[in-house]
Structure formats: C-alpha cells, structure tokens
C-alpha cells in the first residue's frame, strides 16, 4: 500500500483540479453558441407578422401603434403576395391560439391542486408554467411545419434565414442586464 504524504497529496489534488480546468475540450455549456430552435425564432417572428398585418405597422403590447414604419413583410422578406397571405394567416391563427394559453387559469389550477394535495403551490405553479411553455413550443412547431409545407423547402429556407436575421436583430437591440 502506498503512503501519500501531505505535500504529495496536496500536489496531487492541485494537479487534478488544474487538469480539469485546463483540459476541458471547449467552453462551458452555458457559453456554447447553439443554433436557435424553431420555436425561439418563429414564436416572436409570427407575433411580429401578426402585428405587421395592421397597416399602421407594429404595435406595442398595449395595442397602440409604435409609430415605426417598417416595410410590409412581403417586401422585407421577399415573399410573393400568396406567400405573404399564407404567412399572415398562419401567424394570426397562432397568435389567437397563444392568447388562449394565459397564465391566470394555470395559477388558479395550481391553487386548487394545492388545496387537494397539500403539495407546495409554488412547485405546482412552476410545473404548470413549464407545461404551458412546452405547449407553446409545440404549437409554434406545428405552425412552422404548416408554413414549411405551404412554402416548400427552398422558399421556407429563405424565410427561415430572414426570421433568424430578425431574431438576431431583436437580440442585438435588447437592453443588456
């Protein structure tokens, strides 16, 4: 049996710790640039398209015009009139479905479950909010698939590039915390 002296043990421990830090194959997971998911790109994009439907341009959350005049989605994304119509129809339909998933009923349901089960209402609310967010992602994915089918692969890829560029612009314009 080998005996490790205190200085040798410290040196071994430091060697292991340093190796773990130096020998990593890349940046930590939270710093890796991953491609944005369809839901994170097209969710906000569909919302913008639904707002652009108004002749006055995008609106603020309170429903008032932002006063910003942007080119029509058809011009900005290089869509045909038919494609712009399909995109607008899909986006407004999704927005209507998304509004039906508001948080009030989820919180009420969590409180009812708390009374019935005694489980922490905070845990229940968090679980319900995760469930709602997952339903939202699934809905966006369904509508993206409808769009892909209606546009065909080549035209969808062109729109996907435009939507990702819009997302990148939104991210760059967002205030940093």
Protein backbone atom coordinates (compact mmCIF):
# COMPACT_ATOMS: atom_id res chain seq x y z
CA UNK A 1 0.00 0.00 0.00
CA UNK A 2 1.41 3.35 -1.00
CA UNK A 3 1.50 6.11 1.55
CA UNK A 4 0.89 9.62 0.28
CA UNK A 5 2.39 12.38 2.35
CA UNK A 6 0.52 15.60 2.95
CA UNK A 7 2.59 17.68 0.43
CA UNK A 8 2.26 14.93 -2.18
CA UNK A 9 -1.50 14.74 -1.55
CA UNK A 10 -1.86 18.49 -1.97
CA UNK A 11 0.19 18.38 -5.16
CA UNK A 12 -1.96 15.52 -6.48
CA UNK A 13 -5.17 17.37 -5.60
CA UNK A 14 -3.93 20.58 -7.29
CA UNK A 15 -2.89 18.59 -10.34
CA UNK A 16 -6.32 17.01 -10.67
CA UNK A 17 -8.13 20.33 -10.16
CA UNK A 18 -5.91 22.18 -12.63
CA UNK A 19 -6.18 19.41 -15.20
CA UNK A 20 -9.96 19.56 -15.05
CA UNK A 21 -9.87 23.29 -15.69
CA UNK A 22 -7.15 23.23 -18.37
CA UNK A 23 -8.08 20.01 -20.12
CA UNK A 24 -11.65 20.96 -20.95
CA UNK A 25 -12.45 20.43 -24.61
CA UNK A 26 -14.38 23.66 -25.04
CA UNK A 27 -16.26 26.42 -23.31
CA UNK A 28 -18.75 25.58 -20.57
CA UNK A 29 -22.21 24.55 -21.77
CA UNK A 30 -23.71 27.90 -20.85
CA UNK A 31 -21.26 29.69 -23.18
CA UNK A 32 -21.65 27.47 -26.24
CA UNK A 33 -23.42 29.17 -29.13
CA UNK A 34 -26.17 26.81 -30.18
CA UNK A 35 -28.42 27.40 -33.14
CA UNK A 36 -31.72 28.88 -32.04
CA UNK A 37 -34.65 26.48 -32.04
CA UNK A 38 -37.51 26.96 -34.47
CA UNK A 39 -39.81 27.86 -31.58
CA UNK A 40 -37.49 30.57 -30.27
CA UNK A 41 -37.09 32.03 -33.77
CA UNK A 42 -40.58 31.68 -35.18
CA UNK A 43 -42.58 32.39 -32.00
CA UNK A 44 -41.55 36.07 -31.91
CA UNK A 45 -41.47 36.22 -35.73
CA UNK A 46 -45.08 35.03 -36.01
CA UNK A 47 -46.02 37.60 -33.39
CA UNK A 48 -44.35 40.35 -35.43
CA UNK A 49 -46.08 39.19 -38.60
CA UNK A 50 -49.46 39.23 -36.86
CA UNK A 51 -48.74 42.81 -35.75
CA UNK A 52 -47.48 43.84 -39.20
CA UNK A 53 -50.84 42.83 -40.57
CA UNK A 54 -52.03 46.22 -39.35
CA UNK A 55 -51.48 48.94 -41.93
CA UNK A 56 -50.02 51.16 -39.23
CA UNK A 57 -47.11 48.79 -38.61
CA UNK A 58 -46.06 47.04 -35.42
CA UNK A 59 -47.93 47.68 -32.21
CA UNK A 60 -46.81 47.94 -28.62
CA UNK A 61 -48.08 45.42 -26.02
CA UNK A 62 -50.84 47.88 -25.08
CA UNK A 63 -52.16 47.75 -28.67
CA UNK A 64 -51.01 51.25 -29.59
CA UNK A 65 -49.02 51.82 -32.77
CA UNK A 66 -45.29 52.11 -32.14
CA UNK A 67 -45.11 54.76 -34.83
CA UNK A 68 -42.33 52.79 -36.53
CA UNK A 69 -42.98 52.37 -40.23
CA UNK A 70 -41.46 49.17 -41.49
CA UNK A 71 -41.75 47.72 -44.95
CA UNK A 72 -44.54 45.22 -45.43
CA UNK A 73 -43.49 41.68 -44.63
CA UNK A 74 -43.93 40.80 -48.27
CA UNK A 75 -41.28 43.34 -49.34
CA UNK A 76 -38.95 42.84 -46.39
CA UNK A 77 -38.79 39.05 -46.69
CA UNK A 78 -39.03 38.88 -50.48
CA UNK A 79 -42.32 36.97 -50.45
CA UNK A 80 -44.89 36.68 -53.17
CA UNK A 81 -48.35 38.04 -52.42
CA UNK A 82 -49.66 34.49 -51.97
CA UNK A 83 -46.81 33.59 -49.57
CA UNK A 84 -47.32 36.76 -47.55
CA UNK A 85 -51.02 35.94 -47.28
CA UNK A 86 -50.28 32.38 -46.11
CA UNK A 87 -47.71 33.63 -43.58
CA UNK A 88 -50.07 36.26 -42.21
CA UNK A 89 -52.92 33.77 -41.91
CA UNK A 90 -50.72 31.25 -40.08
CA UNK A 91 -49.28 33.93 -37.78
CA UNK A 92 -52.65 35.43 -36.81
CA UNK A 93 -54.14 31.97 -36.19
CA UNK A 94 -51.21 31.05 -33.94
CA UNK A 95 -51.47 34.35 -32.04
CA UNK A 96 -55.15 33.65 -31.34
CA UNK A 97 -54.32 30.18 -30.02
CA UNK A 98 -51.45 31.54 -27.91
CA UNK A 99 -53.72 34.07 -26.23
CA UNK A 100 -55.89 31.18 -25.06
CA UNK A 101 -52.93 29.88 -23.02
CA UNK A 102 -52.85 32.69 -20.48
CA UNK A 103 -51.43 32.16 -17.01
CA UNK A 104 -54.46 33.04 -14.86
CA UNK A 105 -56.19 29.67 -15.21
CA UNK A 106 -52.89 27.86 -14.64
CA UNK A 107 -52.32 29.64 -11.33
CA UNK A 108 -55.92 29.00 -10.30
CA UNK A 109 -55.50 25.31 -11.16
CA UNK A 110 -52.29 25.16 -9.12
CA UNK A 111 -54.10 26.60 -6.12
CA UNK A 112 -56.89 24.04 -6.45
CA UNK A 113 -54.32 21.22 -6.63
CA UNK A 114 -52.61 22.64 -3.56
CA UNK A 115 -55.86 22.51 -1.59
CA UNK A 116 -56.49 18.94 -2.76
CA UNK A 117 -52.99 17.52 -2.33
CA UNK A 118 -51.17 19.77 0.11
CA UNK A 119 -48.19 19.87 -2.28
CA UNK A 120 -46.38 23.21 -2.43
CA UNK A 121 -48.37 25.63 -4.56
CA UNK A 122 -45.11 27.20 -5.80
CA UNK A 123 -43.96 23.82 -7.14
CA UNK A 124 -47.33 23.28 -8.79
CA UNK A 125 -47.31 26.74 -10.38
CA UNK A 126 -43.79 26.21 -11.70
CA UNK A 127 -44.77 22.83 -13.18
CA UNK A 128 -47.88 24.29 -14.81
CA UNK A 129 -45.88 27.17 -16.25
CA UNK A 130 -43.37 24.69 -17.69
CA UNK A 131 -46.27 22.71 -19.17
CA UNK A 132 -47.73 25.85 -20.75
CA UNK A 133 -44.35 26.84 -22.19
CA UNK A 134 -43.97 23.34 -23.66
CA UNK A 135 -47.46 23.60 -25.21
CA UNK A 136 -46.46 26.96 -26.72
CA UNK A 137 -43.30 25.45 -28.23
CA UNK A 138 -45.32 22.57 -29.65
CA UNK A 139 -47.86 24.95 -31.16
CA UNK A 140 -45.14 27.04 -32.80
CA UNK A 141 -43.55 23.87 -34.19
CA UNK A 142 -46.90 22.77 -35.64
CA UNK A 143 -47.36 26.13 -37.35
CA UNK A 144 -43.77 26.14 -38.63
CA UNK A 145 -44.48 22.75 -40.18
CA UNK A 146 -47.63 24.16 -41.83
CA UNK A 147 -45.54 27.00 -43.20
CA UNK A 148 -42.85 24.61 -44.45
CA UNK A 149 -45.48 22.52 -46.22
CA UNK A 150 -47.16 25.55 -47.79
CA UNK A 151 -43.91 27.19 -48.94
CA UNK A 152 -41.84 24.18 -49.97
CA UNK A 153 -38.28 23.63 -48.79
CA UNK A 154 -36.45 26.23 -50.88
CA UNK A 155 -38.83 29.11 -50.11
CA UNK A 156 -39.11 28.06 -46.47
CA UNK A 157 -35.30 28.12 -46.10
CA UNK A 158 -35.28 31.66 -47.48
CA UNK A 159 -37.94 32.72 -44.95
CA UNK A 160 -36.14 30.85 -42.16
CA UNK A 161 -33.00 32.86 -42.90
CA UNK A 162 -34.99 36.08 -42.79
CA UNK A 163 -36.69 35.10 -39.49
CA UNK A 164 -33.31 34.21 -37.93
CA UNK A 165 -31.87 37.55 -39.06
CA UNK A 166 -34.86 39.30 -37.42
CA UNK A 167 -34.22 37.35 -34.22
CA UNK A 168 -30.56 38.29 -34.26
CA UNK A 169 -31.52 41.95 -34.72
CA UNK A 170 -34.02 41.71 -31.81
CA UNK A 171 -31.36 40.13 -29.61
CA UNK A 172 -28.78 42.79 -30.50
CA UNK A 173 -31.29 45.58 -29.84
CA UNK A 174 -32.42 44.17 -26.48
CA UNK A 175 -31.04 46.02 -23.45
CA UNK A 176 -28.31 44.10 -21.64
CA UNK A 177 -28.76 43.32 -17.96
